[in-house]
Amino acid sequence: MGIPNTMLIDINILERQLSKEGSLEDRIKEAMKLVKSRRSGLMFAVTFDQQFRTAIGGVILHASEEERARITLEMRVLGSLSAAIEGLPIDLSQIPEPEKPIGLLKLWHES
């Protein structure tokens, strides 16, 4: 299962508006604020999940390898926790703990 075409369109629209400079956290906050503002011109990101993933996707396109690895790991952790909350059998002891957590959900709520 890949990224839906509609999300790829929105990621492309968003990433052109984002700064390529600054800390990873600052770039993520900027993307999240743009997505939430509804002024970014996004056409398909409606739900929280779509908006969140679009913001992350816009940043990851210009992220370094280390930054991509950090984002990917944290997204996997969030996905595992979401699955556990939905009642899927997840071995929580197998969820890796990021060395340098970004705090994606915290950044989302702060933006």
Protein backbone atom coordinates (compact mmCIF):
# COMPACT_ATOMS: atom_id res chain seq x y z
CA MET A 1 0.00 0.00 0.00
CA GLY A 2 1.55 3.25 -1.13
CA ILE A 3 0.71 6.88 -0.71
CA PRO A 4 -2.59 7.81 -2.38
CA ASN A 5 -2.27 10.04 -5.45
CA THR A 6 -4.40 12.72 -3.81
CA MET A 7 -1.95 12.93 -0.90
CA LEU A 8 1.00 13.08 -3.31
CA ILE A 9 -0.64 16.07 -5.01
CA ASP A 10 -1.07 17.86 -1.68
CA ILE A 11 2.49 17.02 -0.61
CA ASN A 12 3.77 18.49 -3.86
CA ILE A 13 1.71 21.68 -3.36
CA LEU A 14 2.93 22.00 0.23
CA GLU A 15 6.61 21.27 -0.26
CA ARG A 16 6.99 24.16 -2.71
CA GLN A 17 5.91 26.54 0.06
CA LEU A 18 8.26 25.26 2.74
CA SER A 19 11.61 26.61 3.79
CA LYS A 20 14.54 24.28 3.19
CA GLU A 21 16.50 25.96 6.00
CA GLY A 22 16.27 25.72 9.79
CA SER A 23 16.06 22.86 12.24
CA LEU A 24 14.00 19.78 11.47
CA GLU A 25 11.58 20.71 14.22
CA ASP A 26 11.15 24.24 12.84
CA ARG A 27 10.50 22.94 9.33
CA ILE A 28 7.95 20.44 10.65
CA LYS A 29 6.18 23.18 12.65
CA GLU A 30 6.09 25.40 9.57
CA ALA A 31 4.56 22.59 7.49
CA MET A 32 2.00 21.77 10.17
CA LYS A 33 0.96 25.41 10.56
CA LEU A 34 0.54 25.76 6.80
CA VAL A 35 -1.57 22.62 6.58
CA LYS A 36 -3.76 23.65 9.48
CA SER A 37 -4.17 27.23 8.22
CA ARG A 38 -6.10 26.15 5.13
CA ARG A 39 -4.17 28.84 3.22
CA SER A 40 -1.72 26.38 1.71
CA GLY A 41 -3.90 25.53 -1.29
CA LEU A 42 -4.17 21.87 -0.37
CA MET A 43 -7.06 20.19 -2.10
CA PHE A 44 -7.46 16.78 -0.52
CA ALA A 45 -6.08 16.77 3.04
CA VAL A 46 -9.30 16.82 5.06
CA THR A 47 -8.93 14.49 8.02
CA PHE A 48 -6.40 14.87 10.84
CA ASP A 49 -4.49 11.84 9.55
CA GLN A 50 -4.32 13.20 5.99
CA GLN A 51 -3.22 16.64 7.17
CA PHE A 52 -0.61 15.20 9.53
CA ARG A 53 0.86 12.88 6.89
CA THR A 54 0.85 15.62 4.26
CA ALA A 55 2.80 17.94 6.57
CA ILE A 56 5.34 15.22 7.28
CA GLY A 57 5.55 14.31 3.59
CA GLY A 58 6.26 17.89 2.61
CA VAL A 59 9.19 18.07 5.02
CA ILE A 60 10.63 14.64 4.31
CA LEU A 61 11.17 15.46 0.62
CA HIS A 62 14.01 17.83 1.53
CA ALA A 63 15.21 16.12 4.70
CA SER A 64 18.68 14.67 5.14
CA GLU A 65 19.12 10.91 5.45
CA GLU A 66 19.42 11.22 9.24
CA GLU A 67 16.29 13.38 9.42
CA ARG A 68 14.35 10.95 7.21
CA ALA A 69 15.39 8.07 9.46
CA ARG A 70 14.23 9.97 12.57
CA ILE A 71 10.89 10.87 10.99
CA THR A 72 10.32 7.36 9.64
CA LEU A 73 11.06 5.72 12.99
CA GLU A 74 8.75 8.06 14.87
CA MET A 75 5.98 7.54 12.31
CA ARG A 76 6.36 3.75 12.72
CA VAL A 77 6.10 4.11 16.49
CA LEU A 78 2.95 6.24 16.11
CA GLY A 79 1.50 3.69 13.68
CA SER A 80 2.15 0.84 16.10
CA LEU A 81 0.59 2.73 18.99
CA SER A 82 -2.42 3.59 16.85
CA ALA A 83 -2.85 -0.07 15.91
CA ALA A 84 -2.62 -1.08 19.59
CA ILE A 85 -5.28 1.49 20.50
CA GLU A 86 -7.52 0.06 17.76
CA GLY A 87 -7.21 -3.34 19.42
CA LEU A 88 -4.78 -5.01 17.04
CA PRO A 89 -2.37 -7.41 18.71
CA ILE A 90 0.85 -5.40 18.97
CA ASP A 91 3.82 -6.43 21.08
CA LEU A 92 4.56 -3.08 22.69
CA SER A 93 7.93 -4.33 23.90
CA GLN A 94 8.99 -4.59 20.24
CA ILE A 95 8.32 -0.91 19.47
CA PRO A 96 11.70 0.80 19.21
CA GLU A 97 12.39 3.89 21.27
CA PRO A 98 13.85 6.69 19.15
CA GLU A 99 17.27 7.93 20.29
CA LYS A 100 16.43 11.53 19.35
CA PRO A 101 12.63 11.79 19.43
CA ILE A 102 11.11 14.64 17.46
CA GLY A 103 7.77 14.73 19.23
CA LEU A 104 5.64 14.85 16.08
CA LEU A 105 2.29 14.78 17.90
CA LYS A 106 3.45 17.41 20.35
CA LEU A 107 4.55 19.64 17.46
CA TRP A 108 1.18 19.06 15.78
CA HIS A 109 -0.72 20.17 18.87
CA GLU A 110 1.54 23.20 19.35
CA SER A 111 1.25 24.39 15.76
